[in-house]
Amino acid sequence: NAGSVRLTRYRISEAAFVIEVYKTLRDRAPCTVEHALSEFRGPFSFVLYDQKQKKVFVAQDAYGKRPLYWGLCKDSVLAIADKVTR
């Protein structure tokens, strides 16, 4: 359960927290991204590459509190940003 891991208790970054929660859930049993995300509370957005499964996950909370824009360029490069400027 992600709630049992306290971010401030271990003084880890939010990025490290997301990675550790995902890896823990994935390694316990086959874990879908949807299941892993159901454990998160509050605003979030992140991009995670699972090297074991060779997949990229792009996620944002249901309310879109933390902006995240992504897309694939012509050469299949993944572009990621937290704001769009012209």
PDB file of N, CA and C in Angstrom:
ATOM      1  N   ASN A   1       0.846  -1.178   0.000  1.00  0.00           N
ATOM      2  CA  ASN A   1       0.000   0.000   0.000  1.00  0.00           C
ATOM      3  C   ASN A   1       0.884   1.231   0.000  1.00  0.00           C
ATOM      4  N   ALA A   2       0.673   2.111  -0.944  1.00  0.00           N
ATOM      5  CA  ALA A   2       1.492   3.319  -1.068  1.00  0.00           C
ATOM      6  C   ALA A   2       1.337   4.211   0.146  1.00  0.00           C
ATOM      7  N   GLY A   3       0.188   4.170   0.780  1.00  0.00           N
ATOM      8  CA  GLY A   3      -0.037   5.010   1.950  1.00  0.00           C
ATOM      9  C   GLY A   3       0.870   4.667   3.115  1.00  0.00           C
ATOM     10  N   SER A   4       1.400   3.445   3.144  1.00  0.00           N
ATOM     11  CA  SER A   4       2.272   3.061   4.250  1.00  0.00           C
ATOM     12  C   SER A   4       3.682   3.608   4.082  1.00  0.00           C
ATOM     13  N   VAL A   5       4.011   4.102   2.913  1.00  0.00           N
ATOM     14  CA  VAL A   5       5.321   4.702   2.674  1.00  0.00           C
ATOM     15  C   VAL A   5       5.178   6.202   2.851  1.00  0.00           C
ATOM     16  N   ARG A   6       5.941   6.774   3.729  1.00  0.00           N
ATOM     17  CA  ARG A   6       5.842   8.207   3.998  1.00  0.00           C
ATOM     18  C   ARG A   6       6.990   8.937   3.326  1.00  0.00           C
ATOM     19  N   LEU A   7       6.640   9.871   2.461  1.00  0.00           N
ATOM     20  CA  LEU A   7       7.631  10.630   1.701  1.00  0.00           C
ATOM     21  C   LEU A   7       8.591  11.361   2.619  1.00  0.00           C
ATOM     22  N   THR A   8       8.092  12.067   3.617  1.00  0.00           N
ATOM     23  CA  THR A   8       8.963  12.858   4.485  1.00  0.00           C
ATOM     24  C   THR A   8       9.728  11.984   5.470  1.00  0.00           C
ATOM     25  N   ARG A   9       9.174  10.875   5.855  1.00  0.00           N
ATOM     26  CA  ARG A   9       9.839  10.008   6.820  1.00  0.00           C
ATOM     27  C   ARG A   9      11.190   9.537   6.294  1.00  0.00           C
ATOM     28  N   TYR A  10      11.234   9.185   5.030  1.00  0.00           N
ATOM     29  CA  TYR A  10      12.470   8.683   4.451  1.00  0.00           C
ATOM     30  C   TYR A  10      13.270   9.754   3.731  1.00  0.00           C
ATOM     31  N   ARG A  11      12.708  10.966   3.649  1.00  0.00           N
ATOM     32  CA  ARG A  11      13.371  12.100   3.013  1.00  0.00           C
ATOM     33  C   ARG A  11      13.842  11.765   1.597  1.00  0.00           C
ATOM     34  N   ILE A  12      12.916  11.246   0.814  1.00  0.00           N
ATOM     35  CA  ILE A  12      13.230  10.958  -0.579  1.00  0.00           C
ATOM     36  C   ILE A  12      12.458  11.935  -1.464  1.00  0.00           C
ATOM     37  N   SER A  13      12.920  12.108  -2.676  1.00  0.00           N
ATOM     38  CA  SER A  13      12.246  13.016  -3.594  1.00  0.00           C
ATOM     39  C   SER A  13      10.926  12.404  -4.059  1.00  0.00           C
ATOM     40  N   GLU A  14      10.058  13.253  -4.589  1.00  0.00           N
ATOM     41  CA  GLU A  14       8.796  12.755  -5.131  1.00  0.00           C
ATOM     42  C   GLU A  14       9.051  11.763  -6.264  1.00  0.00           C
ATOM     43  N   ALA A  15      10.057  12.036  -7.077  1.00  0.00           N
ATOM     44  CA  ALA A  15      10.379  11.133  -8.189  1.00  0.00           C
ATOM     45  C   ALA A  15      10.789   9.761  -7.671  1.00  0.00           C
ATOM     46  N   ALA A  16      11.648   9.732  -6.672  1.00  0.00           N
ATOM     47  CA  ALA A  16      12.085   8.459  -6.101  1.00  0.00           C
ATOM     48  C   ALA A  16      10.912   7.725  -5.459  1.00  0.00           C
ATOM     49  N   PHE A  17      10.010   8.469  -4.852  1.00  0.00           N
ATOM     50  CA  PHE A  17       8.824   7.887  -4.225  1.00  0.00           C
ATOM     51  C   PHE A  17       7.951   7.186  -5.269  1.00  0.00           C
ATOM     52  N   VAL A  18       7.680   7.863  -6.378  1.00  0.00           N
ATOM     53  CA  VAL A  18       6.863   7.292  -7.451  1.00  0.00           C
ATOM     54  C   VAL A  18       7.500   6.010  -7.977  1.00  0.00           C
ATOM     55  N   ILE A  19       8.793   6.055  -8.215  1.00  0.00           N
ATOM     56  CA  ILE A  19       9.502   4.886  -8.743  1.00  0.00           C
ATOM     57  C   ILE A  19       9.437   3.721  -7.766  1.00  0.00           C
ATOM     58  N   GLU A  20       9.694   3.983  -6.500  1.00  0.00           N
ATOM     59  CA  GLU A  20       9.696   2.908  -5.506  1.00  0.00           C
ATOM     60  C   GLU A  20       8.317   2.296  -5.315  1.00  0.00           C
ATOM     61  N   VAL A  21       7.284   3.126  -5.276  1.00  0.00           N
ATOM     62  CA  VAL A  21       5.920   2.596  -5.139  1.00  0.00           C
ATOM     63  C   VAL A  21       5.580   1.733  -6.347  1.00  0.00           C
ATOM     64  N   TYR A  22       5.864   2.228  -7.535  1.00  0.00           N
ATOM     65  CA  TYR A  22       5.566   1.465  -8.750  1.00  0.00           C
ATOM     66  C   TYR A  22       6.316   0.131  -8.758  1.00  0.00           C
ATOM     67  N   LYS A  23       7.619   0.158  -8.466  1.00  0.00           N
ATOM     68  CA  LYS A  23       8.417  -1.072  -8.477  1.00  0.00           C
ATOM     69  C   LYS A  23       7.915  -2.065  -7.437  1.00  0.00           C
ATOM     70  N   THR A  24       7.559  -1.564  -6.264  1.00  0.00           N
ATOM     71  CA  THR A  24       7.060  -2.441  -5.206  1.00  0.00           C
ATOM     72  C   THR A  24       5.774  -3.129  -5.639  1.00  0.00           C
ATOM     73  N   LEU A  25       4.837  -2.364  -6.181  1.00  0.00           N
ATOM     74  CA  LEU A  25       3.572  -2.946  -6.628  1.00  0.00           C
ATOM     75  C   LEU A  25       3.778  -3.888  -7.812  1.00  0.00           C
ATOM     76  N   ARG A  26       4.624  -3.512  -8.754  1.00  0.00           N
ATOM     77  CA  ARG A  26       4.884  -4.340  -9.935  1.00  0.00           C
ATOM     78  C   ARG A  26       5.523  -5.670  -9.550  1.00  0.00           C
ATOM     79  N   ASP A  27       6.461  -5.638  -8.606  1.00  0.00           N
ATOM     80  CA  ASP A  27       7.212  -6.839  -8.259  1.00  0.00           C
ATOM     81  C   ASP A  27       6.438  -7.792  -7.356  1.00  0.00           C
ATOM     82  N   ARG A  28       5.416  -7.301  -6.664  1.00  0.00           N
ATOM     83  CA  ARG A  28       4.600  -8.180  -5.822  1.00  0.00           C
ATOM     84  C   ARG A  28       3.789  -9.150  -6.666  1.00  0.00           C
ATOM     85  N   ALA A  29       3.261  -8.648  -7.736  1.00  0.00           N
ATOM     86  CA  ALA A  29       2.429  -9.431  -8.656  1.00  0.00           C
ATOM     87  C   ALA A  29       2.301  -8.605  -9.918  1.00  0.00           C
ATOM     88  N   PRO A  30       1.836  -9.204 -10.994  1.00  0.00           N
ATOM     89  CA  PRO A  30       1.627  -8.379 -12.184  1.00  0.00           C
ATOM     90  C   PRO A  30       0.743  -7.186 -11.827  1.00  0.00           C
ATOM     91  N   CYS A  31       1.251  -6.012 -12.095  1.00  0.00           N
ATOM     92  CA  CYS A  31       0.573  -4.786 -11.678  1.00  0.00           C
ATOM     93  C   CYS A  31       0.285  -3.920 -12.894  1.00  0.00           C
ATOM     94  N   THR A  32      -0.963  -3.559 -13.065  1.00  0.00           N
ATOM     95  CA  THR A  32      -1.290  -2.644 -14.151  1.00  0.00           C
ATOM     96  C   THR A  32      -0.976  -1.226 -13.703  1.00  0.00           C
ATOM     97  N   VAL A  33      -0.764  -0.368 -14.651  1.00  0.00           N
ATOM     98  CA  VAL A  33      -0.512   1.036 -14.331  1.00  0.00           C
ATOM     99  C   VAL A  33      -1.714   1.614 -13.598  1.00  0.00           C
ATOM    100  N   GLU A  34      -2.906   1.240 -14.027  1.00  0.00           N
ATOM    101  CA  GLU A  34      -4.119   1.735 -13.386  1.00  0.00           C
ATOM    102  C   GLU A  34      -4.143   1.375 -11.904  1.00  0.00           C
ATOM    103  N   HIS A  35      -3.725   0.161 -11.586  1.00  0.00           N
ATOM    104  CA  HIS A  35      -3.697  -0.249 -10.181  1.00  0.00           C
ATOM    105  C   HIS A  35      -2.678   0.570  -9.400  1.00  0.00           C
ATOM    106  N   ALA A  36      -1.496   0.736  -9.963  1.00  0.00           N
ATOM    107  CA  ALA A  36      -0.464   1.527  -9.285  1.00  0.00           C
ATOM    108  C   ALA A  36      -0.945   2.951  -9.057  1.00  0.00           C
ATOM    109  N   LEU A  37      -1.586   3.552 -10.056  1.00  0.00           N
ATOM    110  CA  LEU A  37      -2.061   4.931  -9.925  1.00  0.00           C
ATOM    111  C   LEU A  37      -3.183   5.055  -8.907  1.00  0.00           C
ATOM    112  N   SER A  38      -3.955   4.008  -8.720  1.00  0.00           N
ATOM    113  CA  SER A  38      -5.054   4.075  -7.756  1.00  0.00           C
ATOM    114  C   SER A  38      -4.544   4.258  -6.331  1.00  0.00           C
ATOM    115  N   GLU A  39      -3.270   3.987  -6.108  1.00  0.00           N
ATOM    116  CA  GLU A  39      -2.676   4.149  -4.786  1.00  0.00           C
ATOM    117  C   GLU A  39      -2.227   5.583  -4.503  1.00  0.00           C
ATOM    118  N   PHE A  40      -2.157   6.434  -5.519  1.00  0.00           N
ATOM    119  CA  PHE A  40      -1.685   7.806  -5.346  1.00  0.00           C
ATOM    120  C   PHE A  40      -2.836   8.727  -4.970  1.00  0.00           C
ATOM    121  N   ARG A  41      -2.566   9.667  -4.083  1.00  0.00           N
ATOM    122  CA  ARG A  41      -3.555  10.655  -3.650  1.00  0.00           C
ATOM    123  C   ARG A  41      -2.986  12.041  -3.907  1.00  0.00           C
ATOM    124  N   GLY A  42      -3.867  12.978  -4.258  1.00  0.00           N
ATOM    125  CA  GLY A  42      -3.438  14.354  -4.459  1.00  0.00           C
ATOM    126  C   GLY A  42      -2.954  14.604  -5.868  1.00  0.00           C
ATOM    127  N   PRO A  43      -2.489  15.836  -6.110  1.00  0.00           N
ATOM    128  CA  PRO A  43      -2.055  16.204  -7.458  1.00  0.00           C
ATOM    129  C   PRO A  43      -0.719  15.548  -7.828  1.00  0.00           C
ATOM    130  N   PHE A  44      -0.632  15.052  -9.056  1.00  0.00           N
ATOM    131  CA  PHE A  44       0.617  14.471  -9.536  1.00  0.00           C
ATOM    132  C   PHE A  44       0.629  14.447 -11.054  1.00  0.00           C
ATOM    133  N   SER A  45       1.798  14.415 -11.593  1.00  0.00           N
ATOM    134  CA  SER A  45       2.013  14.107 -13.007  1.00  0.00           C
ATOM    135  C   SER A  45       3.433  13.566 -13.109  1.00  0.00           C
ATOM    136  N   PHE A  46       3.605  12.553 -13.940  1.00  0.00           N
ATOM    137  CA  PHE A  46       4.937  11.989 -14.098  1.00  0.00           C
ATOM    138  C   PHE A  46       5.038  11.164 -15.371  1.00  0.00           C
ATOM    139  N   VAL A  47       6.268  10.916 -15.750  1.00  0.00           N
ATOM    140  CA  VAL A  47       6.584  10.014 -16.853  1.00  0.00           C
ATOM    141  C   VAL A  47       7.516   8.964 -16.270  1.00  0.00           C
ATOM    142  N   LEU A  48       7.206   7.710 -16.500  1.00  0.00           N
ATOM    143  CA  LEU A  48       7.993   6.626 -15.938  1.00  0.00           C
ATOM    144  C   LEU A  48       8.330   5.639 -17.049  1.00  0.00           C
ATOM    145  N   TYR A  49       9.591   5.256 -17.138  1.00  0.00           N
ATOM    146  CA  TYR A  49      10.003   4.231 -18.101  1.00  0.00           C
ATOM    147  C   TYR A  49      10.284   2.951 -17.340  1.00  0.00           C
ATOM    148  N   ASP A  50       9.547   1.911 -17.651  1.00  0.00           N
ATOM    149  CA  ASP A  50       9.748   0.607 -17.033  1.00  0.00           C
ATOM    150  C   ASP A  50      10.672  -0.196 -17.945  1.00  0.00           C
ATOM    151  N   GLN A  51      11.930  -0.269 -17.556  1.00  0.00           N
ATOM    152  CA  GLN A  51      12.930  -0.948 -18.384  1.00  0.00           C
ATOM    153  C   GLN A  51      12.640  -2.443 -18.487  1.00  0.00           C
ATOM    154  N   LYS A  52      12.117  -3.008 -17.412  1.00  0.00           N
ATOM    155  CA  LYS A  52      11.807  -4.436 -17.401  1.00  0.00           C
ATOM    156  C   LYS A  52      10.739  -4.778 -18.448  1.00  0.00           C
ATOM    157  N   GLN A  53       9.705  -3.927 -18.541  1.00  0.00           N
ATOM    158  CA  GLN A  53       8.619  -4.163 -19.499  1.00  0.00           C
ATOM    159  C   GLN A  53       8.819  -3.410 -20.814  1.00  0.00           C
ATOM    160  N   LYS A  54       9.833  -2.555 -20.849  1.00  0.00           N
ATOM    161  CA  LYS A  54      10.124  -1.722 -22.026  1.00  0.00           C
ATOM    162  C   LYS A  54       8.908  -0.889 -22.432  1.00  0.00           C
ATOM    163  N   LYS A  55       8.333  -0.198 -21.428  1.00  0.00           N
ATOM    164  CA  LYS A  55       7.161   0.644 -21.653  1.00  0.00           C
ATOM    165  C   LYS A  55       7.356   2.001 -21.002  1.00  0.00           C
ATOM    166  N   VAL A  56       6.749   3.012 -21.607  1.00  0.00           N
ATOM    167  CA  VAL A  56       6.742   4.364 -21.050  1.00  0.00           C
ATOM    168  C   VAL A  56       5.332   4.647 -20.558  1.00  0.00           C
ATOM    169  N   PHE A  57       5.224   5.162 -19.334  1.00  0.00           N
ATOM    170  CA  PHE A  57       3.937   5.533 -18.767  1.00  0.00           C
ATOM    171  C   PHE A  57       3.916   7.035 -18.533  1.00  0.00           C
ATOM    172  N   VAL A  58       2.889   7.681 -19.011  1.00  0.00           N
ATOM    173  CA  VAL A  58       2.686   9.111 -18.789  1.00  0.00           C
ATOM    174  C   VAL A  58       1.399   9.214 -17.989  1.00  0.00           C
ATOM    175  N   ALA A  59       1.453   9.858 -16.823  1.00  0.00           N
ATOM    176  CA  ALA A  59       0.270   9.901 -15.962  1.00  0.00           C
ATOM    177  C   ALA A  59       0.065  11.273 -15.345  1.00  0.00           C
ATOM    178  N   GLN A  60      -1.197  11.566 -15.090  1.00  0.00           N
ATOM    179  CA  GLN A  60      -1.586  12.826 -14.466  1.00  0.00           C
ATOM    180  C   GLN A  60      -2.811  12.548 -13.607  1.00  0.00           C
ATOM    181  N   ASP A  61      -2.937  13.262 -12.481  1.00  0.00           N
ATOM    182  CA  ASP A  61      -4.107  13.072 -11.636  1.00  0.00           C
ATOM    183  C   ASP A  61      -5.377  13.463 -12.398  1.00  0.00           C
ATOM    184  N   ALA A  62      -6.502  12.977 -11.935  1.00  0.00           N
ATOM    185  CA  ALA A  62      -7.775  13.179 -12.639  1.00  0.00           C
ATOM    186  C   ALA A  62      -8.172  14.645 -12.767  1.00  0.00           C
ATOM    187  N   TYR A  63      -7.682  15.488 -11.867  1.00  0.00           N
ATOM    188  CA  TYR A  63      -8.069  16.902 -11.885  1.00  0.00           C
ATOM    189  C   TYR A  63      -7.089  17.784 -12.658  1.00  0.00           C
ATOM    190  N   GLY A  64      -5.979  17.232 -13.087  1.00  0.00           N
ATOM    191  CA  GLY A  64      -5.007  17.989 -13.875  1.00  0.00           C
ATOM    192  C   GLY A  64      -4.351  19.125 -13.114  1.00  0.00           C
ATOM    193  N   LYS A  65      -4.140  18.935 -11.813  1.00  0.00           N
ATOM    194  CA  LYS A  65      -3.549  19.995 -10.982  1.00  0.00           C
ATOM    195  C   LYS A  65      -2.092  20.273 -11.331  1.00  0.00           C
ATOM    196  N   ARG A  66      -1.381  19.264 -11.772  1.00  0.00           N
ATOM    197  CA  ARG A  66       0.013  19.453 -12.208  1.00  0.00           C
ATOM    198  C   ARG A  66       0.058  19.235 -13.712  1.00  0.00           C
ATOM    199  N   PRO A  67       0.247  20.308 -14.474  1.00  0.00           N
ATOM    200  CA  PRO A  67       0.195  20.186 -15.932  1.00  0.00           C
ATOM    201  C   PRO A  67       1.274  19.259 -16.491  1.00  0.00           C
ATOM    202  N   LEU A  68       0.906  18.553 -17.538  1.00  0.00           N
ATOM    203  CA  LEU A  68       1.842  17.664 -18.211  1.00  0.00           C
ATOM    204  C   LEU A  68       1.401  17.531 -19.663  1.00  0.00           C
ATOM    205  N   TYR A  69       2.293  17.894 -20.549  1.00  0.00           N
ATOM    206  CA  TYR A  69       2.038  17.786 -21.980  1.00  0.00           C
ATOM    207  C   TYR A  69       3.064  16.831 -22.570  1.00  0.00           C
ATOM    208  N   TRP A  70       2.626  15.987 -23.465  1.00  0.00           N
ATOM    209  CA  TRP A  70       3.555  15.054 -24.087  1.00  0.00           C
ATOM    210  C   TRP A  70       3.114  14.756 -25.517  1.00  0.00           C
ATOM    211  N   GLY A  71       4.058  14.289 -26.292  1.00  0.00           N
ATOM    212  CA  GLY A  71       3.765  13.915 -27.666  1.00  0.00           C
ATOM    213  C   GLY A  71       4.971  13.241 -28.288  1.00  0.00           C
ATOM    214  N   LEU A  72       4.740  12.595 -29.398  1.00  0.00           N
ATOM    215  CA  LEU A  72       5.820  11.944 -30.136  1.00  0.00           C
ATOM    216  C   LEU A  72       6.211  12.817 -31.313  1.00  0.00           C
ATOM    217  N   CYS A  73       7.502  13.052 -31.448  1.00  0.00           N
ATOM    218  CA  CYS A  73       8.030  13.814 -32.583  1.00  0.00           C
ATOM    219  C   CYS A  73       8.112  12.894 -33.801  1.00  0.00           C
ATOM    220  N   LYS A  74       8.408  13.474 -34.943  1.00  0.00           N
ATOM    221  CA  LYS A  74       8.485  12.699 -36.189  1.00  0.00           C
ATOM    222  C   LYS A  74       9.471  11.541 -36.099  1.00  0.00           C
ATOM    223  N   ASP A  75      10.559  11.739 -35.368  1.00  0.00           N
ATOM    224  CA  ASP A  75      11.587  10.698 -35.260  1.00  0.00           C
ATOM    225  C   ASP A  75      11.356   9.763 -34.069  1.00  0.00           C
ATOM    226  N   SER A  76      10.121   9.707 -33.567  1.00  0.00           N
ATOM    227  CA  SER A  76       9.707   8.839 -32.453  1.00  0.00           C
ATOM    228  C   SER A  76      10.337   9.209 -31.118  1.00  0.00           C
ATOM    229  N   VAL A  77      10.816  10.434 -30.984  1.00  0.00           N
ATOM    230  CA  VAL A  77      11.333  10.924 -29.708  1.00  0.00           C
ATOM    231  C   VAL A  77      10.150  11.408 -28.877  1.00  0.00           C
ATOM    232  N   LEU A  78      10.127  11.036 -27.608  1.00  0.00           N
ATOM    233  CA  LEU A  78       9.066  11.462 -26.705  1.00  0.00           C
ATOM    234  C   LEU A  78       9.387  12.855 -26.184  1.00  0.00           C
ATOM    235  N   ALA A  79       8.498  13.809 -26.419  1.00  0.00           N
ATOM    236  CA  ALA A  79       8.669  15.183 -25.939  1.00  0.00           C
ATOM    237  C   ALA A  79       7.744  15.391 -24.745  1.00  0.00           C
ATOM    238  N   ILE A  80       8.289  15.987 -23.664  1.00  0.00           N
ATOM    239  CA  ILE A  80       7.540  16.178 -22.420  1.00  0.00           C
ATOM    240  C   ILE A  80       7.754  17.600 -21.931  1.00  0.00           C
ATOM    241  N   ALA A  81       6.674  18.229 -21.430  1.00  0.00           N
ATOM    242  CA  ALA A  81       6.789  19.591 -20.897  1.00  0.00           C
ATOM    243  C   ALA A  81       5.712  19.824 -19.845  1.00  0.00           C
ATOM    244  N   ASP A  82       5.952  20.823 -18.990  1.00  0.00           N
ATOM    245  CA  ASP A  82       4.934  21.188 -18.004  1.00  0.00           C
ATOM    246  C   ASP A  82       4.182  22.452 -18.404  1.00  0.00           C
ATOM    247  N   LYS A  83       4.587  23.063 -19.524  1.00  0.00           N
ATOM    248  CA  LYS A  83       3.843  24.194 -20.073  1.00  0.00           C
ATOM    249  C   LYS A  83       4.129  24.299 -21.561  1.00  0.00           C
ATOM    250  N   VAL A  84       3.203  24.936 -22.253  1.00  0.00           N
ATOM    251  CA  VAL A  84       3.346  25.118 -23.695  1.00  0.00           C
ATOM    252  C   VAL A  84       3.493  26.602 -23.966  1.00  0.00           C
ATOM    253  N   THR A  85       4.541  26.968 -24.691  1.00  0.00           N
ATOM    254  CA  THR A  85       4.740  28.369 -25.072  1.00  0.00           C
ATOM    255  C   THR A  85       4.788  28.454 -26.586  1.00  0.00           C
ATOM    256  N   ARG A  86       4.489  29.636 -27.077  1.00  0.00           N
ATOM    257  CA  ARG A  86       4.508  29.831 -28.537  1.00  0.00           C
ATOM    258  C   ARG A  86       5.615  30.759 -28.910  1.00  0.00           C
TER     259      ARG A  86
END
